[in-house]
Amino acid sequence: MAWASTQPGWVIGFVDEVWWSRFALPRLSAWQGKDQPVRLVEQTWQKGDPDPKALACYGVLWQQGPIDDPIRKQMSLRFVTGRPVSAITTQFLEWCCTRLQAQNKTSWLLIWDNASFHVSKMVRTWIREHNSLVKAEGKGVRILPLFLPTKSPWLNPIEPKWVHAKRNVVEHDGLLTAKQLAARVCAYFGCSYEPHLVLSEKVS
């Protein structure tokens, strides 16, 4: 990481996945008036609700600046129709690489945990073939995956970002639609709301 942070063509990005619930309420503390206390009102699912109870989302937190004083403000997000799986993971990686290539980056130090859809044969094969293609064509963004130790979420700086975001996007006395929730999340992180990642018919 120390070496990559000094290279203009390299980028460091921490990847993680998270579920955004429309019903579960985060732990939240807030200043409140004595006469008008702030309360979170738990919502219940109603029959006929067309939206999913929760949305899965891929995120990457980009790190810039020196290793001893890193800047970690920029996020990239893609929501998922369904749940995170290997075939969705490769779509997300490809999308990130396309965006990085447009920024004239050549290599991505990808830091993530040991989730099954990170270490699967499909994902490892895709990364290997992707890197081979980048080398053969002389263009694109090479991926160097770096795995965090198991059961150590505190080592991934994206984790507290999720916690603070859930507290900021919650509706204290109403129910958000899936689209409203996703829009709030993207607005909080300053990201554009991209089309959801979906499984293709070949792998679904």
N, C-alpha and C. Protein backbone atom coordinates (compact mmCIF):
# COMPACT_ATOMS: atom_id res chain seq x y z
N MET A 1 0.83 -1.20 0.00
CA MET A 1 0.00 0.00 0.00
C MET A 1 0.87 1.25 0.00
N ALA A 2 1.95 1.22 0.78
CA ALA A 2 2.84 2.38 0.84
C ALA A 2 3.43 2.67 -0.53
N TRP A 3 3.85 1.61 -1.23
CA TRP A 3 4.42 1.81 -2.56
C TRP A 3 3.37 2.27 -3.56
N ALA A 4 2.21 1.62 -3.55
CA ALA A 4 1.15 1.96 -4.51
C ALA A 4 0.68 3.40 -4.35
N SER A 5 0.70 3.90 -3.11
CA SER A 5 0.21 5.26 -2.87
C SER A 5 1.11 6.32 -3.48
N THR A 6 2.32 5.93 -3.88
CA THR A 6 3.26 6.89 -4.48
C THR A 6 3.27 6.80 -6.01
N GLN A 7 2.52 5.85 -6.57
CA GLN A 7 2.53 5.65 -8.02
C GLN A 7 1.33 6.32 -8.68
N PRO A 8 1.57 7.22 -9.64
CA PRO A 8 0.46 7.96 -10.25
C PRO A 8 -0.54 7.08 -11.00
N GLY A 9 -0.09 5.93 -11.49
CA GLY A 9 -1.00 5.07 -12.25
C GLY A 9 -1.77 4.08 -11.40
N TRP A 10 -1.43 4.03 -10.11
CA TRP A 10 -2.09 3.07 -9.21
C TRP A 10 -3.21 3.74 -8.43
N VAL A 11 -4.17 2.92 -8.02
CA VAL A 11 -5.24 3.38 -7.13
C VAL A 11 -5.49 2.30 -6.09
N ILE A 12 -5.80 2.73 -4.87
CA ILE A 12 -6.09 1.81 -3.77
C ILE A 12 -7.59 1.89 -3.48
N GLY A 13 -8.25 0.75 -3.46
CA GLY A 13 -9.69 0.74 -3.21
C GLY A 13 -10.10 -0.40 -2.30
N PHE A 14 -10.87 -0.08 -1.25
CA PHE A 14 -11.39 -1.07 -0.31
C PHE A 14 -12.82 -1.45 -0.73
N VAL A 15 -13.06 -2.72 -0.96
CA VAL A 15 -14.37 -3.19 -1.44
C VAL A 15 -15.10 -3.92 -0.34
N ASP A 16 -16.42 -3.74 -0.32
CA ASP A 16 -17.26 -4.46 0.63
C ASP A 16 -18.69 -4.45 0.11
N GLU A 17 -19.51 -5.32 0.66
CA GLU A 17 -20.92 -5.37 0.31
C GLU A 17 -21.75 -5.14 1.57
N VAL A 18 -22.95 -4.60 1.38
CA VAL A 18 -23.80 -4.28 2.53
C VAL A 18 -25.26 -4.40 2.10
N TRP A 19 -26.11 -4.67 3.09
CA TRP A 19 -27.56 -4.70 2.85
C TRP A 19 -28.18 -3.44 3.47
N TRP A 20 -29.02 -2.78 2.70
CA TRP A 20 -29.75 -1.61 3.18
C TRP A 20 -31.20 -2.01 3.41
N SER A 21 -31.60 -2.09 4.66
CA SER A 21 -32.95 -2.54 5.00
C SER A 21 -33.94 -1.38 4.96
N ARG A 22 -35.12 -1.65 4.46
CA ARG A 22 -36.19 -0.65 4.49
C ARG A 22 -36.93 -0.68 5.82
N PHE A 23 -36.67 -1.69 6.64
CA PHE A 23 -37.43 -1.86 7.88
C PHE A 23 -36.57 -1.84 9.13
N ALA A 24 -35.42 -2.48 9.10
CA ALA A 24 -34.56 -2.53 10.28
C ALA A 24 -34.04 -1.13 10.60
N LEU A 25 -34.07 -0.77 11.88
CA LEU A 25 -33.65 0.56 12.31
C LEU A 25 -32.25 0.52 12.89
N PRO A 26 -31.41 1.48 12.53
CA PRO A 26 -30.05 1.51 13.09
C PRO A 26 -30.05 2.04 14.51
N ARG A 27 -29.01 1.74 15.25
CA ARG A 27 -28.81 2.36 16.56
C ARG A 27 -28.45 3.82 16.34
N LEU A 28 -29.20 4.70 17.01
CA LEU A 28 -29.04 6.11 16.70
C LEU A 28 -29.20 6.95 17.94
N SER A 29 -28.30 7.90 18.15
CA SER A 29 -28.40 8.88 19.23
C SER A 29 -28.52 10.26 18.60
N ALA A 30 -29.33 11.13 19.20
CA ALA A 30 -29.52 12.46 18.63
C ALA A 30 -29.94 13.44 19.72
N TRP A 31 -29.56 14.72 19.51
CA TRP A 31 -30.05 15.76 20.39
C TRP A 31 -31.53 15.97 20.11
N GLN A 32 -32.31 16.20 21.15
CA GLN A 32 -33.74 16.37 20.95
C GLN A 32 -34.32 17.33 21.98
N GLY A 33 -35.42 17.95 21.58
CA GLY A 33 -36.10 18.86 22.49
C GLY A 33 -36.93 18.10 23.51
N LYS A 34 -37.10 18.69 24.66
CA LYS A 34 -37.87 18.03 25.72
C LYS A 34 -39.32 17.83 25.31
N ASP A 35 -39.87 18.79 24.59
CA ASP A 35 -41.27 18.72 24.20
C ASP A 35 -41.49 17.94 22.91
N GLN A 36 -40.45 17.79 22.11
CA GLN A 36 -40.59 17.08 20.84
C GLN A 36 -39.45 16.05 20.71
N PRO A 37 -39.53 14.97 21.44
CA PRO A 37 -38.49 13.94 21.37
C PRO A 37 -38.44 13.27 20.00
N VAL A 38 -37.25 12.91 19.60
CA VAL A 38 -37.06 12.21 18.33
C VAL A 38 -37.17 10.71 18.56
N ARG A 39 -38.05 10.08 17.84
CA ARG A 39 -38.22 8.63 17.98
C ARG A 39 -38.23 7.99 16.60
N LEU A 40 -37.60 6.82 16.53
CA LEU A 40 -37.65 6.03 15.30
C LEU A 40 -38.84 5.09 15.40
N VAL A 41 -39.71 5.16 14.42
CA VAL A 41 -40.92 4.34 14.41
C VAL A 41 -40.70 3.13 13.50
N GLU A 42 -40.73 1.95 14.09
CA GLU A 42 -40.51 0.74 13.30
C GLU A 42 -41.68 0.48 12.37
N GLN A 43 -41.37 0.20 11.12
CA GLN A 43 -42.38 -0.07 10.11
C GLN A 43 -42.54 -1.58 9.94
N THR A 44 -43.68 -1.98 9.47
CA THR A 44 -43.95 -3.40 9.23
C THR A 44 -44.26 -3.63 7.76
N TRP A 45 -43.88 -4.80 7.28
CA TRP A 45 -44.14 -5.12 5.89
C TRP A 45 -45.63 -5.34 5.66
N GLN A 46 -46.14 -4.81 4.57
CA GLN A 46 -47.54 -4.95 4.22
C GLN A 46 -47.67 -5.82 2.98
N LYS A 47 -48.65 -6.68 2.99
CA LYS A 47 -48.90 -7.54 1.83
C LYS A 47 -49.18 -6.69 0.61
N GLY A 48 -48.54 -7.04 -0.46
CA GLY A 48 -48.71 -6.27 -1.69
C GLY A 48 -47.59 -5.27 -1.94
N ASP A 49 -46.70 -5.13 -0.98
CA ASP A 49 -45.56 -4.23 -1.15
C ASP A 49 -44.69 -4.77 -2.29
N PRO A 50 -44.52 -4.01 -3.38
CA PRO A 50 -43.79 -4.55 -4.54
C PRO A 50 -42.27 -4.52 -4.39
N ASP A 51 -41.77 -3.80 -3.41
CA ASP A 51 -40.33 -3.64 -3.27
C ASP A 51 -39.73 -4.69 -2.33
N PRO A 52 -38.46 -5.02 -2.52
CA PRO A 52 -37.80 -5.95 -1.59
C PRO A 52 -37.65 -5.33 -0.21
N LYS A 53 -37.52 -6.17 0.80
CA LYS A 53 -37.37 -5.67 2.16
C LYS A 53 -36.00 -5.01 2.37
N ALA A 54 -35.02 -5.41 1.58
CA ALA A 54 -33.68 -4.85 1.70
C ALA A 54 -33.00 -4.88 0.34
N LEU A 55 -32.03 -3.99 0.17
CA LEU A 55 -31.26 -3.90 -1.06
C LEU A 55 -29.80 -4.24 -0.79
N ALA A 56 -29.24 -5.10 -1.61
CA ALA A 56 -27.81 -5.39 -1.52
C ALA A 56 -27.04 -4.37 -2.35
N CYS A 57 -25.83 -4.09 -1.92
CA CYS A 57 -25.06 -3.04 -2.57
C CYS A 57 -23.57 -3.35 -2.49
N TYR A 58 -22.87 -3.16 -3.61
CA TYR A 58 -21.41 -3.21 -3.64
C TYR A 58 -20.88 -1.79 -3.49
N GLY A 59 -19.79 -1.66 -2.76
CA GLY A 59 -19.17 -0.35 -2.60
C GLY A 59 -17.67 -0.45 -2.60
N VAL A 60 -17.02 0.61 -3.04
CA VAL A 60 -15.57 0.69 -2.98
C VAL A 60 -15.20 2.07 -2.45
N LEU A 61 -14.35 2.08 -1.44
CA LEU A 61 -13.85 3.31 -0.85
C LEU A 61 -12.44 3.54 -1.38
N TRP A 62 -12.27 4.64 -2.10
CA TRP A 62 -10.98 4.93 -2.73
C TRP A 62 -10.07 5.69 -1.77
N GLN A 63 -8.83 5.29 -1.73
CA GLN A 63 -7.85 5.94 -0.85
C GLN A 63 -6.88 6.76 -1.68
N GLN A 64 -6.66 8.00 -1.26
CA GLN A 64 -5.70 8.87 -1.93
C GLN A 64 -4.74 9.46 -0.90
N GLY A 65 -3.68 10.06 -1.38
CA GLY A 65 -2.75 10.73 -0.48
C GLY A 65 -1.72 9.78 0.10
N PRO A 66 -0.86 10.31 0.97
CA PRO A 66 0.22 9.51 1.57
C PRO A 66 -0.31 8.45 2.51
N ILE A 67 0.44 7.38 2.67
CA ILE A 67 -0.01 6.24 3.46
C ILE A 67 -0.17 6.60 4.93
N ASP A 68 0.62 7.59 5.43
CA ASP A 68 0.53 7.96 6.84
C ASP A 68 -0.57 8.97 7.13
N ASP A 69 -1.18 9.52 6.09
CA ASP A 69 -2.28 10.46 6.26
C ASP A 69 -3.25 10.33 5.08
N PRO A 70 -3.87 9.16 4.93
CA PRO A 70 -4.69 8.89 3.75
C PRO A 70 -5.99 9.69 3.73
N ILE A 71 -6.45 9.96 2.51
CA ILE A 71 -7.74 10.61 2.30
C ILE A 71 -8.71 9.54 1.79
N ARG A 72 -9.78 9.33 2.54
CA ARG A 72 -10.75 8.29 2.18
C ARG A 72 -12.14 8.90 2.19
N LYS A 73 -12.46 9.62 1.13
CA LYS A 73 -13.75 10.30 1.04
C LYS A 73 -14.59 9.83 -0.15
N GLN A 74 -13.94 9.46 -1.23
CA GLN A 74 -14.67 9.12 -2.45
C GLN A 74 -15.15 7.68 -2.43
N MET A 75 -16.43 7.50 -2.74
CA MET A 75 -17.04 6.16 -2.80
C MET A 75 -17.64 5.92 -4.18
N SER A 76 -17.67 4.67 -4.57
CA SER A 76 -18.41 4.24 -5.76
C SER A 76 -19.35 3.13 -5.35
N LEU A 77 -20.61 3.19 -5.80
CA LEU A 77 -21.63 2.23 -5.37
C LEU A 77 -22.37 1.65 -6.56
N ARG A 78 -22.77 0.39 -6.43
CA ARG A 78 -23.71 -0.24 -7.36
C ARG A 78 -24.64 -1.13 -6.56
N PHE A 79 -25.93 -0.89 -6.71
CA PHE A 79 -26.92 -1.74 -6.07
C PHE A 79 -27.14 -2.99 -6.90
N VAL A 80 -27.73 -4.00 -6.26
CA VAL A 80 -27.87 -5.32 -6.87
C VAL A 80 -29.33 -5.74 -6.86
N THR A 81 -29.78 -6.29 -7.97
CA THR A 81 -31.08 -6.95 -8.00
C THR A 81 -30.85 -8.40 -7.59
N GLY A 82 -31.19 -8.73 -6.36
CA GLY A 82 -30.89 -10.05 -5.82
C GLY A 82 -29.86 -9.92 -4.72
N ARG A 83 -28.89 -10.81 -4.71
CA ARG A 83 -27.88 -10.81 -3.66
C ARG A 83 -26.48 -10.90 -4.27
N PRO A 84 -25.46 -10.54 -3.51
CA PRO A 84 -24.09 -10.64 -4.03
C PRO A 84 -23.69 -12.09 -4.32
N VAL A 85 -23.24 -12.34 -5.51
CA VAL A 85 -22.73 -13.66 -5.91
C VAL A 85 -21.51 -13.41 -6.81
N SER A 86 -20.82 -14.46 -7.16
CA SER A 86 -19.59 -14.32 -7.93
C SER A 86 -19.82 -13.62 -9.27
N ALA A 87 -20.89 -13.99 -9.97
CA ALA A 87 -21.15 -13.41 -11.29
C ALA A 87 -21.46 -11.92 -11.20
N ILE A 88 -22.05 -11.49 -10.09
CA ILE A 88 -22.30 -10.06 -9.87
C ILE A 88 -20.99 -9.36 -9.49
N THR A 89 -20.17 -10.04 -8.70
CA THR A 89 -18.89 -9.47 -8.29
C THR A 89 -18.02 -9.12 -9.49
N THR A 90 -17.96 -10.01 -10.47
CA THR A 90 -17.13 -9.73 -11.64
C THR A 90 -17.70 -8.57 -12.45
N GLN A 91 -19.02 -8.43 -12.48
CA GLN A 91 -19.62 -7.27 -13.14
C GLN A 91 -19.19 -5.97 -12.47
N PHE A 92 -19.19 -5.99 -11.14
CA PHE A 92 -18.81 -4.80 -10.40
C PHE A 92 -17.34 -4.45 -10.63
N LEU A 93 -16.48 -5.46 -10.62
CA LEU A 93 -15.07 -5.22 -10.87
C LEU A 93 -14.84 -4.65 -12.26
N GLU A 94 -15.53 -5.19 -13.24
CA GLU A 94 -15.38 -4.70 -14.61
C GLU A 94 -15.85 -3.24 -14.72
N TRP A 95 -16.95 -2.93 -14.05
CA TRP A 95 -17.46 -1.55 -14.05
C TRP A 95 -16.45 -0.60 -13.42
N CYS A 96 -15.86 -1.00 -12.32
CA CYS A 96 -14.85 -0.16 -11.65
C CYS A 96 -13.64 0.05 -12.55
N CYS A 97 -13.19 -1.01 -13.21
CA CYS A 97 -12.02 -0.90 -14.07
C CYS A 97 -12.28 0.03 -15.24
N THR A 98 -13.48 0.00 -15.78
CA THR A 98 -13.82 0.91 -16.88
C THR A 98 -13.74 2.36 -16.44
N ARG A 99 -14.25 2.64 -15.24
CA ARG A 99 -14.19 4.00 -14.70
C ARG A 99 -12.75 4.42 -14.40
N LEU A 100 -11.95 3.50 -13.88
CA LEU A 100 -10.56 3.82 -13.58
C LEU A 100 -9.75 4.05 -14.84
N GLN A 101 -10.03 3.28 -15.88
CA GLN A 101 -9.32 3.46 -17.14
C GLN A 101 -9.59 4.84 -17.72
N ALA A 102 -10.82 5.33 -17.55
CA ALA A 102 -11.16 6.67 -18.03
C ALA A 102 -10.40 7.76 -17.27
N GLN A 103 -9.89 7.40 -16.07
CA GLN A 103 -9.09 8.33 -15.27
C GLN A 103 -7.59 8.12 -15.50
N ASN A 104 -7.26 7.33 -16.52
CA ASN A 104 -5.87 7.05 -16.88
C ASN A 104 -5.12 6.26 -15.80
N LYS A 105 -5.85 5.44 -15.05
CA LYS A 105 -5.21 4.55 -14.10
C LYS A 105 -4.84 3.25 -14.80
N THR A 106 -3.81 2.60 -14.29
CA THR A 106 -3.35 1.35 -14.91
C THR A 106 -3.41 0.15 -13.98
N SER A 107 -3.47 0.40 -12.66
CA SER A 107 -3.46 -0.72 -11.71
C SER A 107 -4.32 -0.38 -10.50
N TRP A 108 -4.98 -1.41 -9.99
CA TRP A 108 -5.87 -1.24 -8.83
C TRP A 108 -5.46 -2.22 -7.74
N LEU A 109 -5.01 -1.69 -6.60
CA LEU A 109 -4.77 -2.52 -5.43
C LEU A 109 -6.11 -2.69 -4.73
N LEU A 110 -6.69 -3.85 -4.92
CA LEU A 110 -8.04 -4.16 -4.44
C LEU A 110 -7.95 -4.86 -3.09
N ILE A 111 -8.48 -4.23 -2.05
CA ILE A 111 -8.43 -4.78 -0.70
C ILE A 111 -9.83 -5.16 -0.27
N TRP A 112 -10.02 -6.42 0.10
CA TRP A 112 -11.34 -6.89 0.53
C TRP A 112 -11.20 -8.09 1.44
N ASP A 113 -12.36 -8.57 1.94
CA ASP A 113 -12.33 -9.69 2.88
C ASP A 113 -12.43 -11.02 2.14
N ASN A 114 -12.62 -12.08 2.90
CA ASN A 114 -12.63 -13.44 2.33
C ASN A 114 -14.04 -13.98 2.10
N ALA A 115 -14.96 -13.12 1.72
CA ALA A 115 -16.32 -13.58 1.39
C ALA A 115 -16.25 -14.61 0.27
N SER A 116 -17.21 -15.52 0.27
CA SER A 116 -17.17 -16.62 -0.71
C SER A 116 -17.20 -16.11 -2.14
N PHE A 117 -17.88 -14.99 -2.38
CA PHE A 117 -17.96 -14.44 -3.74
C PHE A 117 -16.78 -13.51 -4.04
N HIS A 118 -15.77 -13.50 -3.17
CA HIS A 118 -14.49 -12.85 -3.45
C HIS A 118 -13.42 -13.88 -3.77
N VAL A 119 -13.48 -15.01 -3.08
CA VAL A 119 -12.42 -16.02 -3.21
C VAL A 119 -12.84 -17.18 -4.11
N SER A 120 -14.02 -17.10 -4.72
CA SER A 120 -14.52 -18.21 -5.53
C SER A 120 -13.64 -18.44 -6.76
N LYS A 121 -13.71 -19.62 -7.30
CA LYS A 121 -12.95 -19.97 -8.50
C LYS A 121 -13.34 -19.06 -9.66
N MET A 122 -14.64 -18.73 -9.78
CA MET A 122 -15.10 -17.88 -10.87
C MET A 122 -14.46 -16.50 -10.81
N VAL A 123 -14.41 -15.91 -9.62
CA VAL A 123 -13.84 -14.57 -9.48
C VAL A 123 -12.33 -14.60 -9.69
N ARG A 124 -11.65 -15.60 -9.11
CA ARG A 124 -10.20 -15.68 -9.27
C ARG A 124 -9.82 -15.89 -10.73
N THR A 125 -10.61 -16.72 -11.42
CA THR A 125 -10.35 -16.96 -12.85
C THR A 125 -10.60 -15.70 -13.66
N TRP A 126 -11.67 -14.99 -13.32
CA TRP A 126 -11.99 -13.76 -14.06
C TRP A 126 -10.86 -12.73 -13.89
N ILE A 127 -10.37 -12.56 -12.68
CA ILE A 127 -9.30 -11.58 -12.44
C ILE A 127 -8.03 -11.99 -13.20
N ARG A 128 -7.70 -13.27 -13.18
CA ARG A 128 -6.51 -13.74 -13.89
C ARG A 128 -6.64 -13.50 -15.40
N GLU A 129 -7.81 -13.84 -15.96
CA GLU A 129 -8.02 -13.64 -17.40
C GLU A 129 -8.09 -12.16 -17.74
N HIS A 130 -8.68 -11.37 -16.87
CA HIS A 130 -8.74 -9.92 -17.08
C HIS A 130 -7.33 -9.33 -17.12
N ASN A 131 -6.49 -9.71 -16.17
CA ASN A 131 -5.12 -9.19 -16.13
C ASN A 131 -4.32 -9.64 -17.36
N SER A 132 -4.55 -10.85 -17.80
CA SER A 132 -3.85 -11.35 -19.00
C SER A 132 -4.25 -10.55 -20.23
N LEU A 133 -5.53 -10.21 -20.32
CA LEU A 133 -6.01 -9.42 -21.45
C LEU A 133 -5.43 -8.00 -21.42
N VAL A 134 -5.37 -7.41 -20.22
CA VAL A 134 -4.78 -6.08 -20.09
C VAL A 134 -3.33 -6.09 -20.53
N LYS A 135 -2.59 -7.12 -20.14
CA LYS A 135 -1.18 -7.23 -20.51
C LYS A 135 -1.02 -7.43 -22.01
N ALA A 136 -1.86 -8.28 -22.60
CA ALA A 136 -1.76 -8.59 -24.03
C ALA A 136 -2.11 -7.37 -24.90
N GLU A 137 -3.13 -6.62 -24.49
CA GLU A 137 -3.58 -5.48 -25.29
C GLU A 137 -2.85 -4.20 -24.96
N GLY A 138 -2.17 -4.18 -23.80
CA GLY A 138 -1.44 -2.99 -23.42
C GLY A 138 -2.33 -1.84 -23.00
N LYS A 139 -3.55 -2.15 -22.59
CA LYS A 139 -4.45 -1.12 -22.11
C LYS A 139 -5.43 -1.73 -21.12
N GLY A 140 -5.99 -0.88 -20.27
CA GLY A 140 -6.91 -1.36 -19.24
C GLY A 140 -6.29 -1.21 -17.86
N VAL A 141 -6.97 -1.76 -16.88
CA VAL A 141 -6.54 -1.62 -15.48
C VAL A 141 -6.32 -3.01 -14.89
N ARG A 142 -5.10 -3.26 -14.48
CA ARG A 142 -4.77 -4.54 -13.85
C ARG A 142 -5.25 -4.54 -12.40
N ILE A 143 -5.71 -5.67 -11.92
CA ILE A 143 -6.22 -5.81 -10.55
C ILE A 143 -5.25 -6.65 -9.72
N LEU A 144 -4.83 -6.10 -8.58
CA LEU A 144 -4.02 -6.86 -7.64
C LEU A 144 -4.83 -7.02 -6.36
N PRO A 145 -5.47 -8.20 -6.15
CA PRO A 145 -6.29 -8.39 -4.94
C PRO A 145 -5.45 -8.64 -3.70
N LEU A 146 -5.85 -8.02 -2.61
CA LEU A 146 -5.19 -8.20 -1.33
C LEU A 146 -6.27 -8.56 -0.31
N PHE A 147 -6.16 -9.73 0.30
CA PHE A 147 -7.20 -10.22 1.20
C PHE A 147 -6.87 -9.86 2.65
N LEU A 148 -7.87 -9.35 3.35
CA LEU A 148 -7.73 -9.05 4.77
C LEU A 148 -7.81 -10.35 5.58
N PRO A 149 -7.27 -10.36 6.78
CA PRO A 149 -7.40 -11.55 7.63
C PRO A 149 -8.88 -11.85 7.90
N THR A 150 -9.20 -13.10 8.10
CA THR A 150 -10.59 -13.48 8.35
C THR A 150 -11.08 -12.89 9.67
N LYS A 151 -12.37 -12.59 9.69
CA LYS A 151 -13.06 -12.08 10.88
C LYS A 151 -12.37 -10.84 11.45
N SER A 152 -12.05 -9.91 10.56
CA SER A 152 -11.42 -8.66 11.01
C SER A 152 -12.00 -7.47 10.26
N PRO A 153 -13.31 -7.24 10.39
CA PRO A 153 -13.94 -6.15 9.64
C PRO A 153 -13.40 -4.78 10.00
N TRP A 154 -12.82 -4.62 11.21
CA TRP A 154 -12.30 -3.32 11.61
C TRP A 154 -11.09 -2.89 10.78
N LEU A 155 -10.50 -3.81 10.02
CA LEU A 155 -9.37 -3.47 9.18
C LEU A 155 -9.80 -2.86 7.85
N ASN A 156 -11.09 -2.92 7.55
CA ASN A 156 -11.59 -2.34 6.32
C ASN A 156 -12.25 -1.00 6.65
N PRO A 157 -11.67 0.14 6.23
CA PRO A 157 -12.21 1.45 6.60
C PRO A 157 -13.56 1.77 5.98
N ILE A 158 -14.06 0.91 5.10
CA ILE A 158 -15.38 1.16 4.53
C ILE A 158 -16.49 0.78 5.52
N GLU A 159 -16.18 -0.09 6.47
CA GLU A 159 -17.19 -0.58 7.41
C GLU A 159 -17.86 0.56 8.20
N PRO A 160 -17.11 1.48 8.83
CA PRO A 160 -17.79 2.58 9.55
C PRO A 160 -18.55 3.51 8.63
N LYS A 161 -18.18 3.56 7.35
CA LYS A 161 -18.93 4.37 6.39
C LYS A 161 -20.36 3.86 6.28
N TRP A 162 -20.52 2.54 6.26
CA TRP A 162 -21.87 1.95 6.19
C TRP A 162 -22.68 2.33 7.43
N VAL A 163 -22.06 2.25 8.60
CA VAL A 163 -22.77 2.53 9.86
C VAL A 163 -23.29 3.96 9.87
N HIS A 164 -22.44 4.91 9.55
CA HIS A 164 -22.85 6.32 9.57
C HIS A 164 -23.91 6.60 8.50
N ALA A 165 -23.77 5.97 7.35
CA ALA A 165 -24.74 6.19 6.28
C ALA A 165 -26.13 5.69 6.67
N LYS A 166 -26.20 4.53 7.31
CA LYS A 166 -27.50 3.99 7.72
C LYS A 166 -28.20 4.91 8.71
N ARG A 167 -27.44 5.57 9.55
CA ARG A 167 -28.03 6.51 10.50
C ARG A 167 -28.52 7.78 9.81
N ASN A 168 -27.88 8.12 8.71
CA ASN A 168 -28.22 9.37 8.03
C ASN A 168 -29.36 9.23 7.03
N VAL A 169 -29.57 8.03 6.50
CA VAL A 169 -30.61 7.88 5.47
C VAL A 169 -31.92 7.34 6.03
N VAL A 170 -31.95 6.96 7.31
CA VAL A 170 -33.15 6.36 7.87
C VAL A 170 -34.31 7.35 7.88
N GLU A 171 -35.50 6.88 7.62
CA GLU A 171 -36.72 7.68 7.72
C GLU A 171 -37.31 7.40 9.11
N HIS A 172 -37.39 8.42 9.95
CA HIS A 172 -37.72 8.15 11.36
C HIS A 172 -39.18 7.78 11.59
N ASP A 173 -40.09 8.16 10.70
CA ASP A 173 -41.50 7.84 10.95
C ASP A 173 -42.24 7.43 9.68
N GLY A 174 -41.55 6.88 8.73
CA GLY A 174 -42.19 6.46 7.49
C GLY A 174 -41.41 5.33 6.83
N LEU A 175 -41.94 4.87 5.71
CA LEU A 175 -41.33 3.77 4.98
C LEU A 175 -40.89 4.26 3.61
N LEU A 176 -39.61 4.08 3.31
CA LEU A 176 -39.07 4.47 2.01
C LEU A 176 -39.27 3.35 1.00
N THR A 177 -39.52 3.72 -0.25
CA THR A 177 -39.51 2.72 -1.31
C THR A 177 -38.06 2.34 -1.57
N ALA A 178 -37.85 1.26 -2.30
CA ALA A 178 -36.49 0.83 -2.61
C ALA A 178 -35.75 1.91 -3.39
N LYS A 179 -36.43 2.55 -4.32
CA LYS A 179 -35.78 3.60 -5.13
C LYS A 179 -35.44 4.80 -4.27
N GLN A 180 -36.32 5.19 -3.36
CA GLN A 180 -36.05 6.32 -2.48
C GLN A 180 -34.86 6.03 -1.58
N LEU A 181 -34.80 4.81 -1.05
CA LEU A 181 -33.69 4.43 -0.18
C LEU A 181 -32.37 4.48 -0.94
N ALA A 182 -32.34 3.90 -2.13
CA ALA A 182 -31.12 3.89 -2.93
C ALA A 182 -30.69 5.31 -3.28
N ALA A 183 -31.65 6.16 -3.61
CA ALA A 183 -31.33 7.54 -3.95
C ALA A 183 -30.74 8.28 -2.75
N ARG A 184 -31.27 8.02 -1.57
CA ARG A 184 -30.73 8.66 -0.36
C ARG A 184 -29.30 8.20 -0.09
N VAL A 185 -29.05 6.91 -0.27
CA VAL A 185 -27.71 6.38 -0.04
C VAL A 185 -26.71 7.02 -1.00
N CYS A 186 -27.08 7.09 -2.27
CA CYS A 186 -26.19 7.68 -3.26
C CYS A 186 -25.96 9.16 -2.98
N ALA A 187 -27.01 9.86 -2.57
CA ALA A 187 -26.86 11.28 -2.25
C ALA A 187 -25.94 11.48 -1.06
N TYR A 188 -26.04 10.62 -0.07
CA TYR A 188 -25.20 10.73 1.12
C TYR A 188 -23.73 10.59 0.74
N PHE A 189 -23.43 9.64 -0.14
CA PHE A 189 -22.04 9.40 -0.52
C PHE A 189 -21.59 10.26 -1.71
N GLY A 190 -22.50 11.02 -2.28
CA GLY A 190 -22.15 11.85 -3.42
C GLY A 190 -21.90 11.06 -4.68
N CYS A 191 -22.63 9.95 -4.84
CA CYS A 191 -22.47 9.06 -5.99
C CYS A 191 -23.67 9.19 -6.93
N SER A 192 -23.45 8.88 -8.19
CA SER A 192 -24.57 8.79 -9.12
C SER A 192 -25.30 7.47 -8.90
N TYR A 193 -26.61 7.47 -9.13
CA TYR A 193 -27.42 6.27 -8.96
C TYR A 193 -27.39 5.49 -10.28
N GLU A 194 -26.61 4.43 -10.31
CA GLU A 194 -26.43 3.62 -11.51
C GLU A 194 -27.47 2.50 -11.58
N PRO A 195 -27.74 1.98 -12.78
CA PRO A 195 -28.64 0.83 -12.91
C PRO A 195 -28.15 -0.33 -12.04
N HIS A 196 -29.10 -1.10 -11.51
CA HIS A 196 -28.73 -2.22 -10.64
C HIS A 196 -28.00 -3.31 -11.42
N LEU A 197 -27.06 -3.95 -10.76
CA LEU A 197 -26.40 -5.11 -11.33
C LEU A 197 -27.35 -6.30 -11.25
N VAL A 198 -27.43 -7.07 -12.32
CA VAL A 198 -28.33 -8.23 -12.37
C VAL A 198 -27.59 -9.41 -12.98
N LEU A 199 -28.03 -10.60 -12.62
CA LEU A 199 -27.47 -11.80 -13.23
C LEU A 199 -27.96 -11.94 -14.65
N SER A 200 -27.06 -12.32 -15.53
CA SER A 200 -27.47 -12.58 -16.91
C SER A 200 -28.20 -13.91 -16.97
N GLU A 201 -28.96 -14.13 -18.02
CA GLU A 201 -29.73 -15.37 -18.16
C GLU A 201 -28.82 -16.59 -18.21
N LYS A 202 -27.57 -16.41 -18.64
CA LYS A 202 -26.66 -17.56 -18.77
C LYS A 202 -26.29 -18.14 -17.42
N VAL A 203 -26.24 -17.29 -16.39
CA VAL A 203 -25.79 -17.78 -15.08
C VAL A 203 -26.90 -17.77 -14.05
N SER A 204 -28.07 -17.26 -14.38
CA SER A 204 -29.16 -17.19 -13.41
C SER A 204 -29.88 -18.51 -13.29
